[in-house]
């Protein structure tokens, strides 16, 4: 099988793996929400808590995306 670079693999999975695509969309949404909070000139305590929560969710989704990529790479070798 063809070896993919990191970016090429992400692009391939975006096109061919529904789970990966859904996770990537969630990741992008969490990033957008975090950016909105960070763009505020004043952060309330609620903003800080929400930002922290979103960053944890974003990291969890990123970990799931990396697991899919690792599984794909392992299946490439097999």
N, C-alpha and C. Protein backbone atom coordinates (compact mmCIF):
# COMPACT_ATOMS: atom_id res chain seq x y z
N UNK A 1 0.84 -1.20 0.00
CA UNK A 1 0.00 0.00 0.00
C UNK A 1 0.88 1.25 0.00
N UNK A 2 0.29 2.31 -0.44
CA UNK A 2 0.99 3.59 -0.50
C UNK A 2 1.20 4.16 0.90
N UNK A 3 2.39 4.67 1.14
CA UNK A 3 2.68 5.32 2.41
C UNK A 3 2.20 6.77 2.36
N UNK A 4 1.50 7.20 3.38
CA UNK A 4 0.96 8.55 3.45
C UNK A 4 1.79 9.41 4.38
N UNK A 5 1.98 10.68 4.03
CA UNK A 5 2.51 11.63 4.99
C UNK A 5 1.38 11.89 5.98
N UNK A 6 1.69 12.53 7.07
CA UNK A 6 0.68 12.85 8.10
C UNK A 6 -0.49 13.62 7.49
N UNK A 7 -0.18 14.67 6.75
CA UNK A 7 -1.23 15.51 6.16
C UNK A 7 -2.00 14.77 5.08
N UNK A 8 -1.31 13.98 4.27
CA UNK A 8 -1.99 13.21 3.22
C UNK A 8 -2.92 12.18 3.84
N UNK A 9 -2.50 11.57 4.94
CA UNK A 9 -3.35 10.59 5.61
C UNK A 9 -4.60 11.27 6.17
N UNK A 10 -4.43 12.43 6.78
CA UNK A 10 -5.59 13.17 7.30
C UNK A 10 -6.57 13.46 6.17
N UNK A 11 -6.05 13.92 5.04
CA UNK A 11 -6.89 14.25 3.88
C UNK A 11 -7.61 13.01 3.36
N UNK A 12 -6.89 11.91 3.28
CA UNK A 12 -7.49 10.65 2.83
C UNK A 12 -8.62 10.23 3.77
N UNK A 13 -8.36 10.27 5.08
CA UNK A 13 -9.37 9.86 6.05
C UNK A 13 -10.56 10.81 6.05
N UNK A 14 -10.33 12.10 5.82
CA UNK A 14 -11.45 13.05 5.72
C UNK A 14 -12.39 12.65 4.59
N UNK A 15 -11.84 12.13 3.52
CA UNK A 15 -12.64 11.76 2.36
C UNK A 15 -13.26 10.37 2.47
N UNK A 16 -12.60 9.47 3.21
CA UNK A 16 -13.02 8.07 3.18
C UNK A 16 -13.47 7.49 4.52
N UNK A 17 -13.38 8.23 5.60
CA UNK A 17 -13.73 7.68 6.91
C UNK A 17 -14.69 8.64 7.60
N UNK A 18 -15.93 8.21 7.72
CA UNK A 18 -16.98 9.05 8.29
C UNK A 18 -16.69 9.42 9.74
N UNK A 19 -16.19 8.46 10.52
CA UNK A 19 -15.88 8.73 11.93
C UNK A 19 -14.80 9.80 12.05
N UNK A 20 -13.75 9.67 11.25
CA UNK A 20 -12.66 10.65 11.28
C UNK A 20 -13.17 12.03 10.88
N UNK A 21 -13.99 12.08 9.84
CA UNK A 21 -14.54 13.35 9.37
C UNK A 21 -15.39 14.02 10.45
N UNK A 22 -16.22 13.23 11.13
CA UNK A 22 -17.07 13.77 12.20
C UNK A 22 -16.21 14.31 13.35
N UNK A 23 -15.15 13.59 13.69
CA UNK A 23 -14.25 14.05 14.75
C UNK A 23 -13.53 15.32 14.33
N UNK A 24 -13.10 15.40 13.08
CA UNK A 24 -12.42 16.60 12.59
C UNK A 24 -13.35 17.81 12.64
N UNK A 25 -14.62 17.59 12.33
CA UNK A 25 -15.59 18.68 12.40
C UNK A 25 -15.79 19.14 13.84
N UNK A 26 -15.87 18.19 14.77
CA UNK A 26 -15.98 18.54 16.20
C UNK A 26 -14.75 19.33 16.64
N UNK A 27 -13.58 18.86 16.25
CA UNK A 27 -12.32 19.51 16.62
C UNK A 27 -12.31 20.96 16.13
N UNK A 28 -12.73 21.16 14.90
CA UNK A 28 -12.77 22.51 14.32
C UNK A 28 -13.78 23.39 15.06
N UNK A 29 -14.91 22.82 15.45
CA UNK A 29 -15.92 23.59 16.18
C UNK A 29 -15.40 23.99 17.56
N UNK A 30 -14.74 23.06 18.26
CA UNK A 30 -14.17 23.38 19.57
C UNK A 30 -13.12 24.48 19.43
N UNK A 31 -12.30 24.40 18.39
CA UNK A 31 -11.29 25.43 18.16
C UNK A 31 -11.94 26.79 17.92
N UNK A 32 -13.01 26.81 17.14
CA UNK A 32 -13.71 28.06 16.86
C UNK A 32 -14.27 28.67 18.15
N UNK A 33 -14.86 27.83 18.99
CA UNK A 33 -15.43 28.31 20.26
C UNK A 33 -14.34 28.82 21.20
N UNK A 34 -13.22 28.12 21.25
CA UNK A 34 -12.09 28.56 22.07
C UNK A 34 -11.57 29.90 21.56
N UNK A 35 -11.43 30.02 20.25
CA UNK A 35 -10.96 31.28 19.66
C UNK A 35 -11.89 32.44 19.99
N UNK A 36 -13.19 32.18 20.00
CA UNK A 36 -14.17 33.22 20.36
C UNK A 36 -13.95 33.71 21.79
N UNK A 37 -13.76 32.77 22.69
CA UNK A 37 -13.53 33.13 24.09
C UNK A 37 -12.22 33.92 24.21
N UNK A 38 -11.17 33.43 23.55
CA UNK A 38 -9.86 34.07 23.66
C UNK A 38 -9.85 35.46 23.02
N UNK A 39 -10.75 35.70 22.10
CA UNK A 39 -10.80 37.00 21.42
C UNK A 39 -11.46 38.08 22.28
N UNK A 40 -12.15 37.67 23.33
CA UNK A 40 -12.80 38.64 24.21
C UNK A 40 -11.75 39.45 24.96
N UNK A 41 -12.07 40.73 25.16
CA UNK A 41 -11.12 41.58 25.89
C UNK A 41 -11.18 41.33 27.40
N UNK A 42 -12.31 40.81 27.86
CA UNK A 42 -12.46 40.51 29.29
C UNK A 42 -13.02 39.10 29.43
N UNK A 43 -12.39 38.30 30.27
CA UNK A 43 -12.86 36.93 30.50
C UNK A 43 -13.50 36.83 31.88
N UNK A 44 -14.74 36.37 31.89
CA UNK A 44 -15.42 36.10 33.16
C UNK A 44 -14.91 34.76 33.70
N UNK A 45 -15.17 34.49 34.95
CA UNK A 45 -14.81 33.16 35.48
C UNK A 45 -15.49 32.04 34.69
N UNK A 46 -16.71 32.30 34.23
CA UNK A 46 -17.42 31.31 33.42
C UNK A 46 -16.71 31.07 32.09
N UNK A 47 -16.18 32.16 31.51
CA UNK A 47 -15.41 32.02 30.27
C UNK A 47 -14.19 31.12 30.49
N UNK A 48 -13.51 31.34 31.60
CA UNK A 48 -12.32 30.55 31.90
C UNK A 48 -12.66 29.07 32.05
N UNK A 49 -13.74 28.79 32.76
CA UNK A 49 -14.17 27.40 32.96
C UNK A 49 -14.56 26.78 31.61
N UNK A 50 -15.31 27.51 30.81
CA UNK A 50 -15.74 27.01 29.50
C UNK A 50 -14.55 26.79 28.57
N UNK A 51 -13.60 27.70 28.60
CA UNK A 51 -12.41 27.55 27.77
C UNK A 51 -11.65 26.28 28.16
N UNK A 52 -11.50 26.08 29.45
CA UNK A 52 -10.80 24.88 29.94
C UNK A 52 -11.54 23.61 29.52
N UNK A 53 -12.86 23.62 29.65
CA UNK A 53 -13.68 22.47 29.27
C UNK A 53 -13.53 22.18 27.77
N UNK A 54 -13.61 23.22 26.96
CA UNK A 54 -13.51 23.05 25.51
C UNK A 54 -12.13 22.54 25.10
N UNK A 55 -11.10 23.02 25.78
CA UNK A 55 -9.75 22.56 25.46
C UNK A 55 -9.58 21.08 25.77
N UNK A 56 -10.19 20.62 26.87
CA UNK A 56 -10.14 19.20 27.21
C UNK A 56 -10.88 18.37 26.15
N UNK A 57 -12.06 18.85 25.74
CA UNK A 57 -12.83 18.14 24.72
C UNK A 57 -12.07 18.10 23.40
N UNK A 58 -11.48 19.21 23.03
CA UNK A 58 -10.71 19.30 21.79
C UNK A 58 -9.54 18.32 21.81
N UNK A 59 -8.83 18.24 22.92
CA UNK A 59 -7.71 17.32 23.06
C UNK A 59 -8.18 15.87 22.97
N UNK A 60 -9.31 15.57 23.60
CA UNK A 60 -9.86 14.21 23.56
C UNK A 60 -10.19 13.81 22.12
N UNK A 61 -10.81 14.73 21.37
CA UNK A 61 -11.15 14.46 19.98
C UNK A 61 -9.88 14.27 19.16
N UNK A 62 -8.87 15.09 19.41
CA UNK A 62 -7.60 14.96 18.69
C UNK A 62 -6.98 13.59 18.96
N UNK A 63 -7.03 13.14 20.20
CA UNK A 63 -6.51 11.81 20.56
C UNK A 63 -7.26 10.72 19.79
N UNK A 64 -8.58 10.86 19.68
CA UNK A 64 -9.38 9.88 18.93
C UNK A 64 -8.98 9.88 17.44
N UNK A 65 -8.74 11.06 16.89
CA UNK A 65 -8.32 11.15 15.50
C UNK A 65 -6.96 10.46 15.31
N UNK A 66 -6.06 10.66 16.25
CA UNK A 66 -4.74 10.03 16.16
C UNK A 66 -4.84 8.51 16.28
N UNK A 67 -5.79 8.03 17.09
CA UNK A 67 -6.00 6.58 17.20
C UNK A 67 -6.45 6.00 15.86
N UNK A 68 -7.35 6.69 15.19
CA UNK A 68 -7.81 6.23 13.88
C UNK A 68 -6.64 6.21 12.90
N UNK A 69 -5.84 7.26 12.93
CA UNK A 69 -4.68 7.32 12.03
C UNK A 69 -3.70 6.18 12.34
N UNK A 70 -3.49 5.90 13.61
CA UNK A 70 -2.58 4.81 13.99
C UNK A 70 -3.12 3.46 13.54
N UNK A 71 -4.44 3.26 13.70
CA UNK A 71 -5.05 2.01 13.25
C UNK A 71 -4.89 1.85 11.74
N UNK A 72 -5.08 2.95 11.02
CA UNK A 72 -4.94 2.89 9.56
C UNK A 72 -3.50 2.55 9.18
N UNK A 73 -2.55 3.21 9.83
CA UNK A 73 -1.14 2.93 9.54
C UNK A 73 -0.79 1.47 9.88
N UNK A 74 -1.33 0.96 10.98
CA UNK A 74 -1.06 -0.44 11.37
C UNK A 74 -1.65 -1.39 10.33
N UNK A 75 -2.82 -1.08 9.81
CA UNK A 75 -3.43 -1.93 8.80
C UNK A 75 -2.67 -1.86 7.48
N UNK A 76 -1.99 -0.74 7.24
CA UNK A 76 -1.15 -0.59 6.05
C UNK A 76 0.01 -1.56 6.09
N UNK A 77 0.55 -1.76 7.29
CA UNK A 77 1.73 -2.62 7.47
C UNK A 77 1.33 -4.10 7.40
N UNK A 78 0.17 -4.39 7.92
CA UNK A 78 -0.28 -5.80 8.00
C UNK A 78 -0.51 -6.43 6.64
